[in-house]
C-alpha cells in the first residue's frame, strides 16, 4: 500500500520549509500525520530491495557530529569548505550504514553533499533551527538513509522558564520489515561551554521533552506493528563520566528500557571526542536502542580535517 499523500507532504514540507511554519501550524500538521498513520491497514511496502542493505532483521546505524559542515567554522572560507568536504567524503566511505544521523550540518543541501559518496542514500529530514546569539548560521541535525520514510520531521525544544535548550531533534519513521517500525531520533544536546549546573539542567529539560515525544510516537506507530526505537547523536554528557555523576540525562533511557551502545566497552575504545587544548578526551556520542538487540558498536576514527568528533556505528538486530 502506498504512502498517504498527507504523510508524504508532511515529510517533504518539514525538510524544506519548516522555518516558515508557526508552532501552531506545525502542531496541527503533526496530528494530521498521526491520524493518517492510525488509519493505515496492512504494511506500507516500505521495505527496500536494494542488495546493499543489510537483512530485514538487521539495521546498521551511524551518527556523526561533522563540526559546522562544511568548513569546520561558522564563517569558513571557500577553501576551508572544500577541504572539509573532501575529507568528509573520504571518511564517509568507511561508514557502511543503512541510516545516518548527522549533527552540525548547515542545511539540507549540505547534508546531501555530506552523504553523496554513499550509494542509495538520500536525506530524509534536516532541521532549520535559528542561529544562536552571536552567530550568523545555525547548527542543524539531519537523518539520511537507504529506506523510504513513512514520515519525518523536526522539532525545537520548548523553553521552560529560564531554561532555554538550544536546537532540537530530527525524527524519522521507517517500516524496515512488514509490520515492524523503526523510529530514529538524531539529537545534539547543550554543550558544556558555560556554567556546568545550567548546562546539565538544560540537557535534562531536553530529555524530559524527548521522553514525552518518544512515548507518543511509540503509542501511535504501535498501531501499525512492532516498534523499535534508536536514538543517537552528540549528548555532551555520558552516564559513566564522573563530571556528570548527578546528571539524569542519559539515565532516563535506562529507566525507559533502552540499551546503551557502550555498555561494558572500555573507555579507551569508545572515545568519540578526542582531547584538544581545552578539554580531555570524552565519550559524548551515544546510541540508545529499545526493542532491539545491540549486536555490536564501535567508534569510526575519522580525520581531524573532517571533524573534532569521530563517527559512531552500531549494528542492531530487530
Protein backbone atom coordinates (compact mmCIF):
# COMPACT_ATOMS: atom_id res chain seq x y z
CA UNK A 1 0.00 0.00 0.00
CA UNK A 2 1.44 3.40 -0.93
CA UNK A 3 2.01 6.23 1.48
CA UNK A 4 -0.93 8.57 2.15
CA UNK A 5 -0.31 11.88 0.43
CA UNK A 6 -0.70 13.73 3.74
CA UNK A 7 2.28 11.84 5.17
CA UNK A 8 4.50 12.44 2.15
CA UNK A 9 3.60 16.13 2.05
CA UNK A 10 4.45 16.41 5.75
CA UNK A 11 7.88 14.86 5.27
CA UNK A 12 8.78 16.99 2.26
CA UNK A 13 7.37 20.13 3.78
CA UNK A 14 9.29 19.67 7.03
CA UNK A 15 12.54 19.19 5.18
CA UNK A 16 12.39 22.32 3.12
CA UNK A 17 10.06 24.82 4.74
CA UNK A 18 9.91 24.37 8.49
CA UNK A 19 11.26 27.82 9.22
CA UNK A 20 8.14 29.36 7.65
CA UNK A 21 5.71 27.48 9.87
CA UNK A 22 4.28 28.76 13.10
CA UNK A 23 4.32 26.43 16.08
CA UNK A 24 0.51 26.16 15.88
CA UNK A 25 0.58 25.02 12.27
CA UNK A 26 3.38 22.53 12.96
CA UNK A 27 1.33 21.01 15.77
CA UNK A 28 -1.72 20.75 13.51
CA UNK A 29 0.29 19.12 10.72
CA UNK A 30 1.86 16.68 13.17
CA UNK A 31 -1.51 15.45 14.35
CA UNK A 32 -2.71 15.15 10.77
CA UNK A 33 0.22 12.79 10.20
CA UNK A 34 -0.62 10.74 13.27
CA UNK A 35 -4.30 10.45 12.32
CA UNK A 36 -3.30 9.34 8.82
CA UNK A 37 -0.90 6.77 10.24
CA UNK A 38 -3.54 5.29 12.51
CA UNK A 39 -5.84 4.79 9.52
CA UNK A 40 -3.31 2.64 7.65
CA UNK A 41 -4.07 -1.07 7.43
CA UNK A 42 -1.53 -3.64 6.33
CA UNK A 43 2.03 -2.67 5.57
CA UNK A 44 3.23 0.23 3.50
CA UNK A 45 5.56 -1.65 1.23
CA UNK A 46 8.44 0.45 2.55
CA UNK A 47 10.92 -2.41 2.72
CA UNK A 48 13.83 -1.77 0.40
CA UNK A 49 15.04 -4.32 -2.11
CA UNK A 50 18.49 -2.81 -2.50
CA UNK A 51 21.15 -5.54 -2.38
CA UNK A 52 23.49 -3.23 -0.43
CA UNK A 53 21.14 -3.08 2.56
CA UNK A 54 21.52 -5.49 5.48
CA UNK A 55 18.93 -8.22 6.03
CA UNK A 56 15.45 -7.04 7.09
CA UNK A 57 16.14 -8.17 10.66
CA UNK A 58 19.36 -6.16 10.94
CA UNK A 59 19.85 -2.41 10.65
CA UNK A 60 23.19 -0.60 10.65
CA UNK A 61 23.12 2.91 12.08
CA UNK A 62 25.73 5.65 12.44
CA UNK A 63 25.82 9.13 13.95
CA UNK A 64 28.39 11.83 13.36
CA UNK A 65 28.88 15.40 14.54
CA UNK A 66 30.58 16.87 11.45
CA UNK A 67 31.65 20.19 13.00
CA UNK A 68 29.95 23.04 11.15
CA UNK A 69 29.87 21.17 7.86
CA UNK A 70 31.09 22.46 5.53
CA UNK A 71 34.10 24.43 6.70
CA UNK A 72 34.50 23.43 10.40
CA UNK A 73 33.73 27.02 11.42
CA UNK A 74 30.54 29.14 11.24
CA UNK A 75 32.17 31.67 8.90
CA UNK A 76 34.50 29.40 6.98
CA UNK A 77 36.27 30.38 3.79
CA UNK A 78 35.50 28.67 0.50
CA UNK A 79 38.88 26.91 0.71
CA UNK A 80 38.07 25.55 4.17
CA UNK A 81 34.71 24.31 2.94
CA UNK A 82 36.31 22.47 0.01
CA UNK A 83 38.94 20.94 2.30
CA UNK A 84 36.43 19.60 4.79
CA UNK A 85 34.11 18.29 2.08
CA UNK A 86 36.95 16.30 0.53
CA UNK A 87 37.95 14.87 3.91
CA UNK A 88 34.38 14.00 4.93
CA UNK A 89 33.82 12.24 1.63
CA UNK A 90 36.88 10.07 2.24
CA UNK A 91 35.66 9.18 5.73
CA UNK A 92 32.05 8.60 4.67
CA UNK A 93 33.15 5.70 2.51
CA UNK A 94 34.08 3.83 5.70
CA UNK A 95 30.60 4.21 7.18
CA UNK A 96 28.65 1.20 5.95
CA UNK A 97 25.25 2.05 7.42
CA UNK A 98 21.60 1.99 6.44
CA UNK A 99 20.69 5.09 8.47
CA UNK A 100 22.98 8.00 9.38
CA UNK A 101 22.23 10.82 11.80
CA UNK A 102 24.29 13.97 11.41
CA UNK A 103 24.86 16.94 13.69
CA UNK A 104 26.27 20.39 12.89
CA UNK A 105 25.38 20.32 9.21
CA UNK A 106 24.27 23.70 7.90
CA UNK A 107 21.23 22.88 5.77
CA UNK A 108 19.53 20.35 3.51
CA UNK A 109 21.80 20.94 0.52
CA UNK A 110 24.97 20.48 2.55
CA UNK A 111 23.61 17.39 4.31
CA UNK A 112 23.04 15.97 0.82
CA UNK A 113 26.64 16.81 -0.10
CA UNK A 114 27.89 15.05 3.04
CA UNK A 115 26.29 11.68 2.16
CA UNK A 116 26.79 11.92 -1.61
CA UNK A 117 29.57 9.25 -1.64
CA UNK A 118 27.10 6.65 -0.27
CA UNK A 119 25.20 4.76 -2.98
CA UNK A 120 21.45 4.66 -2.47
CA UNK A 121 21.43 7.31 0.25
CA UNK A 122 19.17 10.33 0.41
CA UNK A 123 18.46 12.90 3.10
CA UNK A 124 15.09 12.33 4.78
CA UNK A 125 14.94 15.33 7.10
CA UNK A 126 17.04 18.34 8.13
CA UNK A 127 16.26 20.91 10.80
CA UNK A 128 16.14 24.65 10.28
CA UNK A 129 16.95 25.83 13.81
CA UNK A 130 17.72 29.55 14.15
CA UNK A 131 21.30 30.68 14.80
CA UNK A 132 22.24 31.12 18.41
CA UNK A 133 23.07 34.53 19.79
CA UNK A 134 26.21 35.98 18.24
CA UNK A 135 26.17 33.57 15.26
CA UNK A 136 25.05 34.01 11.67
CA UNK A 137 24.25 30.36 10.89
CA UNK A 138 22.64 27.58 12.90
CA UNK A 139 23.79 24.07 13.71
CA UNK A 140 21.33 21.58 12.21
CA UNK A 141 20.58 17.90 12.77
CA UNK A 142 19.71 15.54 9.94
CA UNK A 143 18.77 11.96 9.18
CA UNK A 144 19.71 10.24 5.92
CA UNK A 145 19.01 6.64 4.94
CA UNK A 146 18.55 3.97 2.30
CA UNK A 147 14.94 3.40 3.44
CA UNK A 148 11.81 5.24 2.28
CA UNK A 149 10.48 7.06 5.36
CA UNK A 150 6.85 6.78 6.40
CA UNK A 151 7.23 10.28 7.82
CA UNK A 152 9.97 12.59 9.05
CA UNK A 153 10.09 15.97 10.76
CA UNK A 154 11.98 18.09 13.29
CA UNK A 155 11.03 19.92 16.45
CA UNK A 156 12.72 22.58 18.53
CA UNK A 157 12.97 22.18 22.28
CA UNK A 158 10.47 24.35 24.10
CA UNK A 159 11.65 26.86 26.74
CA UNK A 160 10.76 26.08 30.33
CA UNK A 161 11.10 29.25 32.36
CA UNK A 162 14.74 30.25 32.49
CA UNK A 163 15.79 27.01 30.77
CA UNK A 164 16.05 27.56 27.01
CA UNK A 165 17.55 24.47 25.35
CA UNK A 166 19.28 25.13 22.01
CA UNK A 167 18.35 23.30 18.83
CA UNK A 168 16.02 20.29 19.00
CA UNK A 169 15.73 16.86 17.37
CA UNK A 170 15.18 15.22 14.00
CA UNK A 171 12.79 12.27 13.76
CA UNK A 172 12.11 9.68 11.05
CA UNK A 173 9.90 6.60 10.98
CA UNK A 174 10.60 3.62 8.69
CA UNK A 175 8.91 0.29 8.05
CA UNK A 176 12.04 -1.83 7.68
CA UNK A 177 10.14 -5.13 7.55
CA UNK A 178 6.44 -5.96 7.27
CA UNK A 179 4.70 -4.55 10.36
CA UNK A 180 8.00 -3.67 12.01
CA UNK A 181 8.51 0.04 12.51
CA UNK A 182 11.84 1.70 13.26
CA UNK A 183 11.77 5.14 14.88
CA UNK A 184 15.03 7.10 14.66
CA UNK A 185 15.96 10.27 16.54
CA UNK A 186 19.07 12.41 15.96
CA UNK A 187 19.95 14.83 18.75
CA UNK A 188 22.59 17.40 19.64
CA UNK A 189 22.21 18.44 23.27
CA UNK A 190 23.56 21.51 25.07
CA UNK A 191 27.36 21.80 25.16
CA UNK A 192 29.48 22.27 28.29
CA UNK A 193 30.60 25.74 27.30
CA UNK A 194 29.01 27.58 30.19
CA UNK A 195 28.03 27.10 33.80
CA UNK A 196 28.03 23.33 34.33
CA UNK A 197 24.94 23.26 36.54
CA UNK A 198 22.95 25.23 33.97
CA UNK A 199 24.21 23.05 31.09
CA UNK A 200 23.09 19.93 32.94
CA UNK A 201 19.67 21.38 33.76
CA UNK A 202 19.15 22.33 30.11
CA UNK A 203 20.07 18.84 28.89
CA UNK A 204 17.75 17.26 31.44
CA UNK A 205 14.91 19.50 30.29
CA UNK A 206 15.53 18.45 26.67
CA UNK A 207 15.40 14.83 27.73
CA UNK A 208 12.06 15.23 29.50
CA UNK A 209 10.59 16.63 26.30
CA UNK A 210 12.16 13.88 24.20
CA UNK A 211 10.79 11.18 26.52
CA UNK A 212 7.26 12.56 26.12
CA UNK A 213 7.63 12.59 22.33
CA UNK A 214 9.02 9.04 22.26
CA UNK A 215 6.06 7.75 24.23
CA UNK A 216 3.57 9.48 21.95
CA UNK A 217 5.26 8.10 18.82
CA UNK A 218 5.54 4.60 20.30
CA UNK A 219 1.80 4.61 21.02
CA UNK A 220 0.91 5.98 17.57
CA UNK A 221 3.15 3.79 15.43
CA UNK A 222 2.42 0.78 17.64
CA UNK A 223 -0.96 0.63 15.90
CA UNK A 224 0.91 -0.41 12.75
CA UNK A 225 3.02 -3.20 14.24
CA UNK A 226 6.06 -3.83 16.41
CA UNK A 227 8.12 -0.70 17.17
CA UNK A 228 11.87 -0.42 17.71
CA UNK A 229 13.49 2.88 18.62
CA UNK A 230 17.02 4.19 18.09
CA UNK A 231 18.27 7.49 19.50
CA UNK A 232 21.74 8.76 18.74
CA UNK A 233 23.92 11.80 18.43
CA UNK A 234 26.06 14.18 20.43
CA UNK A 235 24.75 14.26 24.02
CA UNK A 236 27.67 16.26 25.51
CA UNK A 237 27.46 14.02 28.56
CA UNK A 238 27.90 10.35 29.45
CA UNK A 239 26.37 8.02 32.05
CA UNK A 240 29.74 6.99 33.47
CA UNK A 241 31.59 10.33 33.32
CA UNK A 242 32.36 11.47 36.88
CA UNK A 243 31.91 15.11 35.85
CA UNK A 244 28.21 14.39 35.38
CA UNK A 245 27.63 11.90 38.18
CA UNK A 246 24.37 13.51 39.30
CA UNK A 247 23.02 14.22 35.81
CA UNK A 248 19.92 12.26 34.78
CA UNK A 249 20.01 12.96 31.03
CA UNK A 250 21.17 9.53 29.87
CA UNK A 251 19.88 7.72 32.96
CA UNK A 252 16.37 8.36 31.65
CA UNK A 253 16.99 5.97 28.77
CA UNK A 254 17.78 3.06 31.05
CA UNK A 255 14.69 3.85 33.10
CA UNK A 256 12.66 3.57 29.88
CA UNK A 257 14.02 0.23 28.70
CA UNK A 258 16.82 1.37 26.39
CA UNK A 259 20.18 -0.33 25.96
CA UNK A 260 23.38 1.76 25.78
CA UNK A 261 25.71 1.00 22.90
CA UNK A 262 28.85 1.41 25.02
CA UNK A 263 27.87 -0.92 27.85
CA UNK A 264 30.97 -2.89 29.04
CA UNK A 265 33.18 -1.32 26.34
CA UNK A 266 36.39 0.18 27.81
CA UNK A 267 36.63 3.96 27.64
CA UNK A 268 39.79 3.87 25.52
CA UNK A 269 37.85 2.05 22.78
CA UNK A 270 34.92 4.50 22.66
CA UNK A 271 36.47 7.98 22.63
CA UNK A 272 34.21 9.91 20.29
CA UNK A 273 35.68 13.34 21.08
CA UNK A 274 39.48 13.27 21.19
CA UNK A 275 41.29 15.64 23.53
CA UNK A 276 42.10 19.20 22.48
CA UNK A 277 43.80 22.16 24.14
CA UNK A 278 40.80 22.90 26.37
CA UNK A 279 39.12 19.56 27.11
CA UNK A 280 40.17 15.98 27.90
CA UNK A 281 39.06 13.07 25.70
CA UNK A 282 35.40 12.20 26.11
CA UNK A 283 32.73 9.75 25.06
CA UNK A 284 29.89 12.17 24.35
CA UNK A 285 28.38 10.46 21.29
CA UNK A 286 25.97 7.63 22.01
CA UNK A 287 23.37 5.29 20.57
CA UNK A 288 20.46 4.01 22.66
CA UNK A 289 18.19 1.20 21.46
CA UNK A 290 14.82 -0.15 22.63
CA UNK A 291 13.02 -3.31 21.49
CA UNK A 292 16.09 -4.41 19.55
CA UNK A 293 19.38 -6.17 20.26
CA UNK A 294 22.68 -4.33 20.02
CA UNK A 295 24.87 -6.74 18.08
CA UNK A 296 27.96 -4.52 18.02
CA UNK A 297 29.08 -0.92 18.41
CA UNK A 298 32.29 0.88 17.60
CA UNK A 299 33.90 4.24 17.02
CA UNK A 300 34.92 5.01 13.45
CA UNK A 301 38.07 7.10 13.75
CA UNK A 302 37.73 9.91 11.28
CA UNK A 303 40.21 12.56 10.23
CA UNK A 304 40.55 15.71 12.32
CA UNK A 305 40.29 17.52 8.99
CA UNK A 306 36.74 16.20 8.85
CA UNK A 307 35.59 16.95 12.39
CA UNK A 308 36.62 17.21 16.02
CA UNK A 309 34.27 14.23 16.64
CA UNK A 310 34.65 10.66 15.49
CA UNK A 311 31.66 8.90 13.94
CA UNK A 312 29.95 6.11 15.88
CA UNK A 313 28.37 2.95 14.47
CA UNK A 314 26.09 0.16 15.71
CA UNK A 315 24.57 -2.95 14.24
CA UNK A 316 21.10 -3.63 15.60
CA UNK A 317 19.03 -6.80 15.32
CA UNK A 318 15.29 -6.15 15.33
